[in-house]
Amino acid sequence: MEGCKLMCCGRGFNKRRIIVQEQCHCKFHWCCTVRCQTCLVEKDETFCK
């Protein structure tokens, strides 16, 4: 037994896919600022029952 089965103590779990905004393609600009783009990223979330 591993992963979600173990962490949820055998009660089962639900998964869902979400889309979140994250900073990406960050670049350092001289001197002392960082500029990033905003990207949409798909992630899986898992919840114990």
PDB file of N, CA and C in Angstrom:
ATOM      1  N   MET A   1       0.854  -1.177   0.000  1.00  0.00           N
ATOM      2  CA  MET A   1       0.000   0.000   0.000  1.00  0.00           C
ATOM      3  C   MET A   1       0.894   1.233   0.000  1.00  0.00           C
ATOM      4  N   GLU A   2       0.533   2.227  -0.794  1.00  0.00           N
ATOM      5  CA  GLU A   2       1.375   3.414  -0.877  1.00  0.00           C
ATOM      6  C   GLU A   2       0.541   4.646  -1.202  1.00  0.00           C
ATOM      7  N   GLY A   3       1.156   5.792  -1.131  1.00  0.00           N
ATOM      8  CA  GLY A   3       0.553   7.045  -1.551  1.00  0.00           C
ATOM      9  C   GLY A   3      -0.740   7.376  -0.836  1.00  0.00           C
ATOM     10  N   CYS A   4      -1.760   7.729  -1.622  1.00  0.00           N
ATOM     11  CA  CYS A   4      -3.034   8.187  -1.065  1.00  0.00           C
ATOM     12  C   CYS A   4      -3.740   7.095  -0.276  1.00  0.00           C
ATOM     13  N   LYS A   5      -3.622   5.857  -0.697  1.00  0.00           N
ATOM     14  CA  LYS A   5      -4.248   4.764   0.054  1.00  0.00           C
ATOM     15  C   LYS A   5      -3.718   4.724   1.478  1.00  0.00           C
ATOM     16  N   LEU A   6      -2.421   4.864   1.631  1.00  0.00           N
ATOM     17  CA  LEU A   6      -1.801   4.831   2.947  1.00  0.00           C
ATOM     18  C   LEU A   6      -2.140   6.082   3.747  1.00  0.00           C
ATOM     19  N   MET A   7      -2.042   7.237   3.133  1.00  0.00           N
ATOM     20  CA  MET A   7      -2.290   8.492   3.847  1.00  0.00           C
ATOM     21  C   MET A   7      -3.748   8.636   4.279  1.00  0.00           C
ATOM     22  N   CYS A   8      -4.673   8.041   3.537  1.00  0.00           N
ATOM     23  CA  CYS A   8      -6.099   8.144   3.867  1.00  0.00           C
ATOM     24  C   CYS A   8      -6.568   6.960   4.714  1.00  0.00           C
ATOM     25  N   CYS A   9      -5.646   6.145   5.190  1.00  0.00           N
ATOM     26  CA  CYS A   9      -5.940   5.032   6.110  1.00  0.00           C
ATOM     27  C   CYS A   9      -7.003   4.086   5.562  1.00  0.00           C
ATOM     28  N   GLY A  10      -7.001   3.866   4.246  1.00  0.00           N
ATOM     29  CA  GLY A  10      -7.924   2.912   3.638  1.00  0.00           C
ATOM     30  C   GLY A  10      -9.344   3.428   3.469  1.00  0.00           C
ATOM     31  N   ARG A  11      -9.621   4.694   3.792  1.00  0.00           N
ATOM     32  CA  ARG A  11     -10.987   5.240   3.680  1.00  0.00           C
ATOM     33  C   ARG A  11     -11.353   5.579   2.243  1.00  0.00           C
ATOM     34  N   GLY A  12     -10.391   5.623   1.360  1.00  0.00           N
ATOM     35  CA  GLY A  12     -10.636   6.025  -0.017  1.00  0.00           C
ATOM     36  C   GLY A  12     -10.335   7.510  -0.200  1.00  0.00           C
ATOM     37  N   PHE A  13     -10.327   7.915  -1.462  1.00  0.00           N
ATOM     38  CA  PHE A  13     -10.000   9.312  -1.759  1.00  0.00           C
ATOM     39  C   PHE A  13     -10.648   9.726  -3.066  1.00  0.00           C
ATOM     40  N   ASN A  14     -10.786  11.028  -3.245  1.00  0.00           N
ATOM     41  CA  ASN A  14     -11.311  11.621  -4.468  1.00  0.00           C
ATOM     42  C   ASN A  14     -10.211  12.451  -5.108  1.00  0.00           C
ATOM     43  N   LYS A  15     -10.211  12.458  -6.438  1.00  0.00           N
ATOM     44  CA  LYS A  15      -9.248  13.272  -7.189  1.00  0.00           C
ATOM     45  C   LYS A  15     -10.023  14.263  -8.035  1.00  0.00           C
ATOM     46  N   ARG A  16      -9.435  15.430  -8.231  1.00  0.00           N
ATOM     47  CA  ARG A  16      -9.986  16.379  -9.177  1.00  0.00           C
ATOM     48  C   ARG A  16      -8.846  17.133  -9.842  1.00  0.00           C
ATOM     49  N   ARG A  17      -9.075  17.545 -11.068  1.00  0.00           N
ATOM     50  CA  ARG A  17      -8.092  18.312 -11.833  1.00  0.00           C
ATOM     51  C   ARG A  17      -8.520  19.776 -11.781  1.00  0.00           C
ATOM     52  N   ILE A  18      -7.570  20.636 -11.451  1.00  0.00           N
ATOM     53  CA  ILE A  18      -7.844  22.071 -11.371  1.00  0.00           C
ATOM     54  C   ILE A  18      -6.861  22.819 -12.265  1.00  0.00           C
ATOM     55  N   ILE A  19      -7.231  24.033 -12.602  1.00  0.00           N
ATOM     56  CA  ILE A  19      -6.347  24.906 -13.373  1.00  0.00           C
ATOM     57  C   ILE A  19      -6.025  26.102 -12.489  1.00  0.00           C
ATOM     58  N   VAL A  20      -4.730  26.343 -12.284  1.00  0.00           N
ATOM     59  CA  VAL A  20      -4.290  27.443 -11.424  1.00  0.00           C
ATOM     60  C   VAL A  20      -3.340  28.352 -12.194  1.00  0.00           C
ATOM     61  N   GLN A  21      -3.253  29.586 -11.736  1.00  0.00           N
ATOM     62  CA  GLN A  21      -2.299  30.529 -12.311  1.00  0.00           C
ATOM     63  C   GLN A  21      -1.020  30.484 -11.493  1.00  0.00           C
ATOM     64  N   GLU A  22       0.113  30.406 -12.182  1.00  0.00           N
ATOM     65  CA  GLU A  22       1.421  30.415 -11.529  1.00  0.00           C
ATOM     66  C   GLU A  22       2.343  31.354 -12.285  1.00  0.00           C
ATOM     67  N   GLN A  23       3.329  31.852 -11.569  1.00  0.00           N
ATOM     68  CA  GLN A  23       4.356  32.649 -12.238  1.00  0.00           C
ATOM     69  C   GLN A  23       5.301  31.692 -12.963  1.00  0.00           C
ATOM     70  N   CYS A  24       5.692  32.069 -14.179  1.00  0.00           N
ATOM     71  CA  CYS A  24       6.582  31.211 -14.960  1.00  0.00           C
ATOM     72  C   CYS A  24       7.476  32.072 -15.842  1.00  0.00           C
ATOM     73  N   HIS A  25       8.460  31.451 -16.432  1.00  0.00           N
ATOM     74  CA  HIS A  25       9.406  32.124 -17.331  1.00  0.00           C
ATOM     75  C   HIS A  25       9.981  33.389 -16.684  1.00  0.00           C
ATOM     76  N   CYS A  26      10.386  33.255 -15.444  1.00  0.00           N
ATOM     77  CA  CYS A  26      10.922  34.398 -14.698  1.00  0.00           C
ATOM     78  C   CYS A  26      12.336  34.728 -15.184  1.00  0.00           C
ATOM     79  N   LYS A  27      12.615  36.020 -15.261  1.00  0.00           N
ATOM     80  CA  LYS A  27      13.941  36.477 -15.687  1.00  0.00           C
ATOM     81  C   LYS A  27      14.423  37.557 -14.739  1.00  0.00           C
ATOM     82  N   PHE A  28      15.695  37.469 -14.407  1.00  0.00           N
ATOM     83  CA  PHE A  28      16.339  38.483 -13.566  1.00  0.00           C
ATOM     84  C   PHE A  28      16.802  39.616 -14.459  1.00  0.00           C
ATOM     85  N   HIS A  29      16.459  40.850 -14.083  1.00  0.00           N
ATOM     86  CA  HIS A  29      16.896  42.031 -14.833  1.00  0.00           C
ATOM     87  C   HIS A  29      17.838  42.840 -13.961  1.00  0.00           C
ATOM     88  N   TRP A  30      18.902  43.322 -14.549  1.00  0.00           N
ATOM     89  CA  TRP A  30      19.931  44.078 -13.828  1.00  0.00           C
ATOM     90  C   TRP A  30      19.380  45.422 -13.419  1.00  0.00           C
ATOM     91  N   CYS A  31      19.690  45.977 -12.328  1.00  0.00           N
ATOM     92  CA  CYS A  31      19.854  45.354 -11.053  1.00  0.00           C
ATOM     93  C   CYS A  31      18.550  45.403 -10.328  1.00  0.00           C
ATOM     94  N   CYS A  32      18.238  44.310 -10.007  1.00  0.00           N
ATOM     95  CA  CYS A  32      17.541  43.823  -8.829  1.00  0.00           C
ATOM     96  C   CYS A  32      16.047  43.640  -8.984  1.00  0.00           C
ATOM     97  N   THR A  33      15.575  43.341 -10.160  1.00  0.00           N
ATOM     98  CA  THR A  33      14.170  42.993 -10.320  1.00  0.00           C
ATOM     99  C   THR A  33      14.041  41.655 -11.027  1.00  0.00           C
ATOM    100  N   VAL A  34      12.944  40.985 -10.757  1.00  0.00           N
ATOM    101  CA  VAL A  34      12.615  39.735 -11.440  1.00  0.00           C
ATOM    102  C   VAL A  34      11.256  39.943 -12.097  1.00  0.00           C
ATOM    103  N   ARG A  35      11.158  39.631 -13.374  1.00  0.00           N
ATOM    104  CA  ARG A  35       9.901  39.746 -14.102  1.00  0.00           C
ATOM    105  C   ARG A  35       9.464  38.363 -14.549  1.00  0.00           C
ATOM    106  N   CYS A  36       8.181  38.091 -14.331  1.00  0.00           N
ATOM    107  CA  CYS A  36       7.639  36.782 -14.675  1.00  0.00           C
ATOM    108  C   CYS A  36       6.383  36.933 -15.521  1.00  0.00           C
ATOM    109  N   GLN A  37       6.083  35.888 -16.259  1.00  0.00           N
ATOM    110  CA  GLN A  37       4.805  35.780 -16.950  1.00  0.00           C
ATOM    111  C   GLN A  37       3.857  35.000 -16.054  1.00  0.00           C
ATOM    112  N   THR A  38       2.574  35.042 -16.370  1.00  0.00           N
ATOM    113  CA  THR A  38       1.591  34.229 -15.655  1.00  0.00           C
ATOM    114  C   THR A  38       1.153  33.113 -16.583  1.00  0.00           C
ATOM    115  N   CYS A  39       1.254  31.887 -16.107  1.00  0.00           N
ATOM    116  CA  CYS A  39       0.882  30.719 -16.901  1.00  0.00           C
ATOM    117  C   CYS A  39      -0.262  29.984 -16.219  1.00  0.00           C
ATOM    118  N   LEU A  40      -1.114  29.328 -17.017  1.00  0.00           N
ATOM    119  CA  LEU A  40      -2.149  28.453 -16.491  1.00  0.00           C
ATOM    120  C   LEU A  40      -1.589  27.038 -16.467  1.00  0.00           C
ATOM    121  N   VAL A  41      -1.714  26.373 -15.302  1.00  0.00           N
ATOM    122  CA  VAL A  41      -1.148  25.045 -15.122  1.00  0.00           C
ATOM    123  C   VAL A  41      -2.234  24.105 -14.600  1.00  0.00           C
ATOM    124  N   GLU A  42      -2.326  22.912 -15.179  1.00  0.00           N
ATOM    125  CA  GLU A  42      -3.277  21.910 -14.703  1.00  0.00           C
ATOM    126  C   GLU A  42      -2.607  21.097 -13.595  1.00  0.00           C
ATOM    127  N   LYS A  43      -3.338  20.908 -12.487  1.00  0.00           N
ATOM    128  CA  LYS A  43      -2.817  20.129 -11.373  1.00  0.00           C
ATOM    129  C   LYS A  43      -3.889  19.179 -10.888  1.00  0.00           C
ATOM    130  N   ASP A  44      -3.465  18.057 -10.326  1.00  0.00           N
ATOM    131  CA  ASP A  44      -4.384  17.116  -9.705  1.00  0.00           C
ATOM    132  C   ASP A  44      -4.380  17.327  -8.202  1.00  0.00           C
ATOM    133  N   GLU A  45      -5.577  17.393  -7.605  1.00  0.00           N
ATOM    134  CA  GLU A  45      -5.706  17.469  -6.156  1.00  0.00           C
ATOM    135  C   GLU A  45      -6.362  16.181  -5.680  1.00  0.00           C
ATOM    136  N   THR A  46      -5.925  15.694  -4.536  1.00  0.00           N
ATOM    137  CA  THR A  46      -6.477  14.470  -3.969  1.00  0.00           C
ATOM    138  C   THR A  46      -6.944  14.758  -2.556  1.00  0.00           C
ATOM    139  N   PHE A  47      -8.161  14.304  -2.223  1.00  0.00           N
ATOM    140  CA  PHE A  47      -8.753  14.526  -0.908  1.00  0.00           C
ATOM    141  C   PHE A  47      -9.207  13.199  -0.318  1.00  0.00           C
ATOM    142  N   CYS A  48      -8.881  12.987   0.948  1.00  0.00           N
ATOM    143  CA  CYS A  48      -9.367  11.795   1.645  1.00  0.00           C
ATOM    144  C   CYS A  48     -10.866  11.912   1.892  1.00  0.00           C
ATOM    145  N   LYS A  49     -11.551  10.765   1.890  1.00  0.00           N
ATOM    146  CA  LYS A  49     -12.991  10.745   2.199  1.00  0.00           C
ATOM    147  C   LYS A  49     -13.210  10.761   3.688  1.00  0.00           C
TER     148      LYS A  49
END
